[in-house]
């Protein structure tokens, strides 16, 4: 009798985390996490993976901070992290099955500071605008290619 090898169940991500990248090529969230070191970096990574696997997660893991309106705005969320009694937050939005990580900060007050929310919001708008421009260029290129045939 031949037995089959035991395999771990494959968990598929519902969304995939990517780091926001500035016009200069900087990835601010990634840079802060690398400086943070362990165990914080590991716990934050595990929390983000949990959200990727279980998207449409609600409190206490994820909270909606600001709702998007219009074609150039997405809803801004936060992933909540606790590392040795220190609270951290990762701000993100979801676009085309991507969990775009736009800002990371240490929580020092009851409410998320307006400057942190505004920074995450501005980065989201830049990303969405750039994504729309790329889509338009691709459509334009496809139209031109079809006309050449």
N, C-alpha and C. Protein backbone atom coordinates (compact mmCIF):
# COMPACT_ATOMS: atom_id res chain seq x y z
N UNK A 1 0.84 -1.18 0.00
CA UNK A 1 0.00 0.00 0.00
C UNK A 1 0.88 1.24 0.00
N UNK A 2 0.65 2.13 -0.95
CA UNK A 2 1.43 3.37 -1.06
C UNK A 2 0.62 4.49 -0.43
N UNK A 3 1.25 5.19 0.47
CA UNK A 3 0.54 6.31 1.10
C UNK A 3 0.92 7.62 0.41
N UNK A 4 -0.02 8.53 0.39
CA UNK A 4 0.22 9.84 -0.21
C UNK A 4 0.95 10.72 0.80
N UNK A 5 1.83 11.57 0.33
CA UNK A 5 2.52 12.48 1.25
C UNK A 5 1.51 13.45 1.86
N UNK A 6 1.73 13.78 3.09
CA UNK A 6 0.86 14.74 3.78
C UNK A 6 1.31 16.14 3.36
N UNK A 7 0.37 16.91 2.88
CA UNK A 7 0.70 18.28 2.47
C UNK A 7 -0.13 19.25 3.29
N UNK A 8 0.47 20.37 3.56
CA UNK A 8 -0.24 21.43 4.29
C UNK A 8 -1.26 22.06 3.35
N UNK A 9 -2.38 22.51 3.90
CA UNK A 9 -3.38 23.16 3.04
C UNK A 9 -2.79 24.44 2.44
N UNK A 10 -3.14 24.68 1.20
CA UNK A 10 -2.67 25.88 0.52
C UNK A 10 -3.66 27.01 0.80
N UNK A 11 -3.14 28.09 1.33
CA UNK A 11 -3.99 29.25 1.61
C UNK A 11 -3.76 30.28 0.51
N UNK A 12 -4.82 30.66 -0.16
CA UNK A 12 -4.68 31.65 -1.21
C UNK A 12 -5.04 33.02 -0.67
N UNK A 13 -4.27 33.98 -1.09
CA UNK A 13 -4.50 35.35 -0.65
C UNK A 13 -5.66 35.93 -1.43
N UNK A 14 -6.49 36.66 -0.73
CA UNK A 14 -7.61 37.32 -1.38
C UNK A 14 -7.19 38.66 -1.96
N UNK A 15 -6.20 39.28 -1.32
CA UNK A 15 -5.56 40.50 -1.83
C UNK A 15 -4.05 40.33 -1.62
N UNK A 16 -3.26 41.09 -2.36
CA UNK A 16 -1.80 40.96 -2.27
C UNK A 16 -1.19 42.30 -1.86
N UNK A 17 -0.44 42.30 -0.77
CA UNK A 17 0.18 43.52 -0.27
C UNK A 17 1.32 43.96 -1.17
N UNK A 18 1.34 45.25 -1.45
CA UNK A 18 2.44 45.88 -2.17
C UNK A 18 2.76 47.19 -1.45
N UNK A 19 4.01 47.61 -1.54
CA UNK A 19 4.42 48.85 -0.90
C UNK A 19 4.18 50.03 -1.84
N UNK A 20 3.66 51.11 -1.29
CA UNK A 20 3.56 52.36 -2.04
C UNK A 20 4.97 52.80 -2.41
N UNK A 21 5.13 53.27 -3.64
CA UNK A 21 6.42 53.75 -4.10
C UNK A 21 6.26 55.20 -4.57
N UNK A 22 7.11 56.09 -4.04
CA UNK A 22 7.03 57.50 -4.41
C UNK A 22 7.60 57.72 -5.82
N UNK A 23 7.45 58.95 -6.32
CA UNK A 23 7.98 59.29 -7.65
C UNK A 23 9.49 59.09 -7.70
N UNK A 24 10.17 59.22 -6.56
CA UNK A 24 11.62 59.06 -6.49
C UNK A 24 12.04 57.60 -6.31
N UNK A 25 11.05 56.71 -6.17
CA UNK A 25 11.35 55.29 -6.02
C UNK A 25 11.47 54.83 -4.57
N UNK A 26 11.21 55.73 -3.62
CA UNK A 26 11.26 55.35 -2.20
C UNK A 26 10.02 54.55 -1.82
N UNK A 27 10.20 53.60 -0.91
CA UNK A 27 9.08 52.83 -0.37
C UNK A 27 9.04 53.10 1.13
N UNK A 28 8.33 54.18 1.54
CA UNK A 28 8.38 54.63 2.93
C UNK A 28 7.99 53.59 3.97
N UNK A 29 6.96 52.80 3.72
CA UNK A 29 6.53 51.79 4.70
C UNK A 29 7.61 50.72 4.85
N UNK A 30 8.12 50.26 3.74
CA UNK A 30 9.16 49.23 3.76
C UNK A 30 10.41 49.73 4.49
N UNK A 31 10.78 50.98 4.24
CA UNK A 31 11.97 51.56 4.88
C UNK A 31 11.81 51.64 6.40
N UNK A 32 10.63 52.05 6.87
CA UNK A 32 10.38 52.14 8.31
C UNK A 32 10.39 50.75 8.94
N UNK A 33 9.78 49.79 8.27
CA UNK A 33 9.74 48.43 8.82
C UNK A 33 11.13 47.82 8.92
N UNK A 34 11.98 48.07 7.94
CA UNK A 34 13.34 47.54 8.00
C UNK A 34 14.12 48.15 9.16
N UNK A 35 13.90 49.42 9.44
CA UNK A 35 14.57 50.09 10.57
C UNK A 35 14.02 49.59 11.91
N UNK A 36 12.77 49.20 11.92
CA UNK A 36 12.10 48.80 13.16
C UNK A 36 12.73 47.54 13.77
N UNK A 37 13.13 46.62 12.94
CA UNK A 37 13.75 45.40 13.44
C UNK A 37 12.75 44.42 14.03
N UNK A 38 13.30 43.35 14.62
CA UNK A 38 12.46 42.30 15.21
C UNK A 38 12.25 42.56 16.68
N UNK A 39 11.19 42.12 17.27
CA UNK A 39 10.09 41.31 16.74
C UNK A 39 9.02 42.12 16.02
N UNK A 40 9.09 43.45 16.09
CA UNK A 40 8.03 44.29 15.52
C UNK A 40 7.81 44.01 14.03
N UNK A 41 8.90 43.95 13.28
CA UNK A 41 8.81 43.72 11.84
C UNK A 41 8.10 42.40 11.54
N UNK A 42 8.41 41.37 12.31
CA UNK A 42 7.81 40.06 12.11
C UNK A 42 6.31 40.08 12.42
N UNK A 43 5.95 40.69 13.53
CA UNK A 43 4.54 40.74 13.93
C UNK A 43 3.72 41.55 12.93
N UNK A 44 4.26 42.68 12.48
CA UNK A 44 3.57 43.49 11.48
C UNK A 44 3.36 42.67 10.20
N UNK A 45 4.39 41.95 9.77
CA UNK A 45 4.28 41.11 8.58
C UNK A 45 3.21 40.03 8.73
N UNK A 46 3.15 39.41 9.90
CA UNK A 46 2.14 38.39 10.16
C UNK A 46 0.74 38.98 10.13
N UNK A 47 0.58 40.18 10.69
CA UNK A 47 -0.73 40.84 10.69
C UNK A 47 -1.17 41.18 9.27
N UNK A 48 -0.24 41.68 8.46
CA UNK A 48 -0.57 42.02 7.08
C UNK A 48 -0.93 40.76 6.29
N UNK A 49 -0.20 39.69 6.51
CA UNK A 49 -0.52 38.41 5.84
C UNK A 49 -1.91 37.93 6.25
N UNK A 50 -2.26 38.07 7.51
CA UNK A 50 -3.60 37.69 7.98
C UNK A 50 -4.67 38.45 7.19
N UNK A 51 -4.46 39.74 6.99
CA UNK A 51 -5.43 40.54 6.23
C UNK A 51 -5.47 40.09 4.77
N UNK A 52 -4.30 39.80 4.18
CA UNK A 52 -4.26 39.31 2.79
C UNK A 52 -5.10 38.04 2.63
N UNK A 53 -4.97 37.13 3.57
CA UNK A 53 -5.66 35.84 3.49
C UNK A 53 -7.15 35.94 3.80
N UNK A 54 -7.51 36.91 4.64
CA UNK A 54 -8.90 36.98 5.15
C UNK A 54 -9.58 38.30 4.80
N UNK A 55 -9.23 38.90 3.68
CA UNK A 55 -9.73 40.24 3.38
C UNK A 55 -11.24 40.35 3.51
N UNK A 56 -11.62 41.46 3.94
CA UNK A 56 -12.90 41.96 4.40
C UNK A 56 -12.95 41.69 5.90
N UNK A 57 -11.79 41.85 6.51
CA UNK A 57 -11.64 41.70 7.95
C UNK A 57 -12.09 43.01 8.59
N UNK A 58 -12.65 42.90 9.75
CA UNK A 58 -13.13 44.09 10.46
C UNK A 58 -12.41 44.19 11.79
N UNK A 59 -12.91 45.03 12.66
CA UNK A 59 -12.32 45.19 13.98
C UNK A 59 -12.26 43.86 14.70
N UNK A 60 -11.28 43.59 15.48
CA UNK A 60 -10.24 44.47 16.00
C UNK A 60 -9.00 44.52 15.13
N UNK A 61 -8.98 43.84 13.99
CA UNK A 61 -7.77 43.76 13.16
C UNK A 61 -7.62 44.94 12.21
N UNK A 62 -8.73 45.32 11.59
CA UNK A 62 -8.73 46.38 10.57
C UNK A 62 -9.84 47.36 10.88
N UNK A 63 -9.57 48.63 10.62
CA UNK A 63 -10.60 49.65 10.81
C UNK A 63 -10.62 50.56 9.59
N UNK A 64 -11.81 50.96 9.16
CA UNK A 64 -11.94 51.91 8.06
C UNK A 64 -11.76 53.32 8.64
N UNK A 65 -10.88 54.11 8.02
CA UNK A 65 -10.59 55.44 8.53
C UNK A 65 -11.25 56.55 7.74
N UNK A 66 -11.26 56.40 6.42
CA UNK A 66 -11.81 57.45 5.57
C UNK A 66 -12.32 56.80 4.29
N UNK A 67 -13.56 57.12 3.93
CA UNK A 67 -14.17 56.52 2.73
C UNK A 67 -13.84 57.33 1.49
N UNK A 68 -13.55 56.62 0.41
CA UNK A 68 -13.26 57.27 -0.85
C UNK A 68 -14.52 57.60 -1.61
N UNK A 69 -14.45 58.69 -2.38
CA UNK A 69 -15.57 59.10 -3.23
C UNK A 69 -14.99 59.45 -4.59
N UNK A 70 -15.65 59.01 -5.62
CA UNK A 70 -15.19 59.34 -6.97
C UNK A 70 -14.18 58.33 -7.49
N UNK A 71 -13.80 58.51 -8.74
CA UNK A 71 -12.93 57.52 -9.38
C UNK A 71 -11.48 57.61 -8.95
N UNK A 72 -11.05 58.72 -8.34
CA UNK A 72 -9.65 58.86 -7.94
C UNK A 72 -9.44 58.68 -6.44
N UNK A 73 -10.42 58.14 -5.75
CA UNK A 73 -10.28 57.93 -4.31
C UNK A 73 -10.73 56.52 -3.93
N UNK A 74 -9.99 55.90 -3.05
CA UNK A 74 -10.33 54.59 -2.49
C UNK A 74 -10.50 54.76 -0.99
N UNK A 75 -11.11 53.79 -0.35
CA UNK A 75 -11.28 53.84 1.10
C UNK A 75 -9.94 53.54 1.78
N UNK A 76 -9.62 54.34 2.79
CA UNK A 76 -8.37 54.18 3.54
C UNK A 76 -8.66 53.39 4.82
N UNK A 77 -7.87 52.35 5.04
CA UNK A 77 -8.00 51.47 6.21
C UNK A 77 -6.72 51.49 7.02
N UNK A 78 -6.80 50.93 8.23
CA UNK A 78 -5.60 50.70 9.03
C UNK A 78 -5.59 49.27 9.53
N UNK A 79 -4.39 48.67 9.52
CA UNK A 79 -4.17 47.39 10.18
C UNK A 79 -3.61 47.75 11.55
N UNK A 80 -4.15 47.13 12.59
CA UNK A 80 -3.72 47.41 13.97
C UNK A 80 -2.70 46.37 14.41
N UNK A 81 -1.60 46.84 14.97
CA UNK A 81 -0.53 45.97 15.46
C UNK A 81 -0.21 46.31 16.90
N UNK A 82 -0.01 45.29 17.73
CA UNK A 82 0.47 45.49 19.10
C UNK A 82 1.72 44.65 19.27
N UNK A 83 2.83 45.33 19.59
CA UNK A 83 4.11 44.66 19.78
C UNK A 83 4.65 45.08 21.14
N UNK A 84 4.69 44.13 22.06
CA UNK A 84 5.19 44.38 23.42
C UNK A 84 4.60 45.69 23.99
N UNK A 85 3.28 45.76 24.04
CA UNK A 85 2.54 46.91 24.58
C UNK A 85 2.72 48.21 23.81
N UNK A 86 3.25 48.16 22.61
CA UNK A 86 3.36 49.35 21.76
C UNK A 86 2.41 49.16 20.58
N UNK A 87 1.62 50.20 20.32
CA UNK A 87 0.65 50.15 19.23
C UNK A 87 1.23 50.77 17.96
N UNK A 88 1.09 50.05 16.85
CA UNK A 88 1.50 50.55 15.54
C UNK A 88 0.31 50.46 14.60
N UNK A 89 0.35 51.25 13.53
CA UNK A 89 -0.70 51.21 12.51
C UNK A 89 -0.08 51.23 11.12
N UNK A 90 -0.64 50.42 10.24
CA UNK A 90 -0.28 50.46 8.82
C UNK A 90 -1.52 50.92 8.07
N UNK A 91 -1.40 52.03 7.35
CA UNK A 91 -2.50 52.54 6.55
C UNK A 91 -2.41 51.94 5.15
N UNK A 92 -3.56 51.55 4.62
CA UNK A 92 -3.60 50.94 3.29
C UNK A 92 -4.93 51.18 2.62
N UNK A 93 -4.96 50.93 1.32
CA UNK A 93 -6.21 50.91 0.56
C UNK A 93 -6.15 49.71 -0.38
N UNK A 94 -7.28 49.33 -0.93
CA UNK A 94 -7.34 48.18 -1.81
C UNK A 94 -7.73 48.66 -3.21
N UNK A 95 -6.94 48.22 -4.20
CA UNK A 95 -7.19 48.57 -5.59
C UNK A 95 -6.80 47.38 -6.46
N UNK A 96 -7.76 46.89 -7.24
CA UNK A 96 -7.50 45.77 -8.16
C UNK A 96 -6.81 44.60 -7.47
N UNK A 97 -7.33 44.16 -6.37
CA UNK A 97 -6.80 43.03 -5.59
C UNK A 97 -5.42 43.29 -4.99
N UNK A 98 -5.02 44.55 -4.93
CA UNK A 98 -3.76 44.91 -4.28
C UNK A 98 -4.07 45.64 -2.98
N UNK A 99 -3.36 45.27 -1.94
CA UNK A 99 -3.42 45.95 -0.64
C UNK A 99 -2.21 46.89 -0.63
N UNK A 100 -2.43 48.15 -0.95
CA UNK A 100 -1.33 49.09 -1.11
C UNK A 100 -1.03 49.73 0.24
N UNK A 101 0.17 49.43 0.78
CA UNK A 101 0.59 49.92 2.09
C UNK A 101 1.18 51.32 1.91
N UNK A 102 0.48 52.34 2.41
CA UNK A 102 0.88 53.72 2.11
C UNK A 102 1.55 54.45 3.26
N UNK A 103 1.33 54.01 4.52
CA UNK A 103 1.94 54.72 5.65
C UNK A 103 1.98 53.81 6.87
N UNK A 104 3.01 53.98 7.69
CA UNK A 104 3.18 53.20 8.91
C UNK A 104 3.61 54.16 10.01
N UNK A 105 2.99 54.02 11.20
CA UNK A 105 3.38 54.90 12.31
C UNK A 105 3.11 54.24 13.65
N UNK A 106 3.78 54.77 14.67
CA UNK A 106 3.57 54.34 16.05
C UNK A 106 2.42 55.17 16.61
N UNK A 107 1.45 54.50 17.17
CA UNK A 107 0.28 55.19 17.70
C UNK A 107 0.60 55.76 19.07
N UNK A 108 0.37 57.05 19.24
CA UNK A 108 0.68 57.71 20.51
C UNK A 108 -0.53 58.38 21.14
N UNK A 109 -1.68 58.36 20.44
CA UNK A 109 -2.89 58.99 20.99
C UNK A 109 -4.09 58.10 20.68
N UNK A 110 -5.22 58.44 21.30
CA UNK A 110 -6.44 57.66 21.12
C UNK A 110 -6.87 57.62 19.65
N UNK A 111 -6.81 58.76 19.00
CA UNK A 111 -7.25 58.91 17.62
C UNK A 111 -6.03 58.99 16.71
N UNK A 112 -6.16 58.45 15.51
CA UNK A 112 -5.05 58.55 14.54
C UNK A 112 -4.83 60.03 14.21
N UNK A 113 -3.58 60.50 14.29
CA UNK A 113 -3.31 61.91 14.01
C UNK A 113 -3.71 62.30 12.59
N UNK A 114 -4.28 63.50 12.46
CA UNK A 114 -4.75 63.99 11.16
C UNK A 114 -3.62 64.02 10.14
N UNK A 115 -2.42 64.39 10.56
CA UNK A 115 -1.30 64.46 9.59
C UNK A 115 -0.97 63.08 9.03
N UNK A 116 -1.09 62.03 9.85
CA UNK A 116 -0.85 60.67 9.35
C UNK A 116 -1.95 60.24 8.39
N UNK A 117 -3.20 60.55 8.73
CA UNK A 117 -4.32 60.24 7.83
C UNK A 117 -4.18 60.99 6.51
N UNK A 118 -3.84 62.27 6.59
CA UNK A 118 -3.69 63.08 5.38
C UNK A 118 -2.56 62.57 4.49
N UNK A 119 -1.46 62.15 5.11
CA UNK A 119 -0.34 61.61 4.34
C UNK A 119 -0.75 60.32 3.62
N UNK A 120 -1.41 59.43 4.33
CA UNK A 120 -1.90 58.20 3.71
C UNK A 120 -2.88 58.48 2.59
N UNK A 121 -3.76 59.46 2.80
CA UNK A 121 -4.77 59.85 1.81
C UNK A 121 -4.11 60.41 0.55
N UNK A 122 -3.12 61.28 0.72
CA UNK A 122 -2.42 61.86 -0.43
C UNK A 122 -1.68 60.79 -1.24
N UNK A 123 -1.04 59.86 -0.54
CA UNK A 123 -0.34 58.78 -1.24
C UNK A 123 -1.31 57.90 -2.01
N UNK A 124 -2.48 57.64 -1.41
CA UNK A 124 -3.51 56.85 -2.09
C UNK A 124 -3.95 57.54 -3.37
N UNK A 125 -4.21 58.84 -3.29
CA UNK A 125 -4.67 59.57 -4.46
C UNK A 125 -3.61 59.59 -5.57
N UNK A 126 -2.34 59.74 -5.20
CA UNK A 126 -1.26 59.71 -6.19
C UNK A 126 -1.21 58.35 -6.88
N UNK A 127 -1.31 57.27 -6.08
CA UNK A 127 -1.25 55.91 -6.63
C UNK A 127 -2.41 55.69 -7.61
N UNK A 128 -3.62 56.03 -7.18
CA UNK A 128 -4.81 55.80 -8.01
C UNK A 128 -4.71 56.61 -9.29
N UNK A 129 -4.28 57.86 -9.18
CA UNK A 129 -4.15 58.71 -10.37
C UNK A 129 -3.14 58.11 -11.35
N UNK A 130 -1.98 57.67 -10.84
CA UNK A 130 -0.96 57.06 -11.70
C UNK A 130 -1.48 55.78 -12.35
N UNK A 131 -2.22 54.98 -11.58
CA UNK A 131 -2.80 53.74 -12.11
C UNK A 131 -3.78 54.03 -13.24
N UNK A 132 -4.60 55.07 -13.07
CA UNK A 132 -5.56 55.46 -14.11
C UNK A 132 -4.84 55.91 -15.37
N UNK A 133 -3.75 56.66 -15.21
CA UNK A 133 -2.99 57.12 -16.37
C UNK A 133 -2.39 55.94 -17.14
N UNK A 134 -1.88 54.96 -16.41
CA UNK A 134 -1.32 53.76 -17.05
C UNK A 134 -2.41 53.02 -17.81
N UNK A 135 -3.58 52.86 -17.19
CA UNK A 135 -4.70 52.19 -17.87
C UNK A 135 -5.09 52.91 -19.16
N UNK A 136 -5.14 54.25 -19.10
CA UNK A 136 -5.50 55.03 -20.29
C UNK A 136 -4.45 54.87 -21.39
N UNK A 137 -3.17 54.86 -21.01
CA UNK A 137 -2.11 54.69 -22.00
C UNK A 137 -2.19 53.31 -22.65
N UNK A 138 -2.48 52.28 -21.82
CA UNK A 138 -2.61 50.93 -22.37
C UNK A 138 -3.78 50.84 -23.34
N UNK A 139 -4.91 51.43 -22.98
CA UNK A 139 -6.08 51.41 -23.86
C UNK A 139 -5.78 52.15 -25.16
N UNK A 140 -5.12 53.29 -25.04
CA UNK A 140 -4.75 54.08 -26.21
C UNK A 140 -3.80 53.28 -27.11
N UNK A 141 -2.83 52.61 -26.49
CA UNK A 141 -1.88 51.78 -27.24
C UNK A 141 -2.57 50.63 -27.94
N UNK A 142 -3.53 50.00 -27.27
CA UNK A 142 -4.27 48.89 -27.87
C UNK A 142 -5.11 49.37 -29.05
N UNK A 143 -5.70 50.56 -28.91
CA UNK A 143 -6.52 51.14 -30.00
C UNK A 143 -5.64 51.43 -31.21
N UNK A 144 -4.47 52.03 -30.96
CA UNK A 144 -3.55 52.35 -32.05
C UNK A 144 -3.06 51.07 -32.73
N UNK A 145 -2.78 50.04 -31.94
CA UNK A 145 -2.30 48.76 -32.49
C UNK A 145 -3.39 48.11 -33.35
N UNK A 146 -4.65 48.20 -32.92
CA UNK A 146 -5.76 47.61 -33.66
C UNK A 146 -5.97 48.36 -34.97
N UNK A 147 -5.77 49.67 -34.98
CA UNK A 147 -5.96 50.47 -36.19
C UNK A 147 -4.86 50.17 -37.22
N UNK A 148 -3.66 49.79 -36.78
CA UNK A 148 -2.55 49.49 -37.68
C UNK A 148 -2.77 48.19 -38.45
N UNK A 149 -3.59 47.30 -37.92
CA UNK A 149 -3.80 45.99 -38.57
C UNK A 149 -4.69 46.09 -39.77
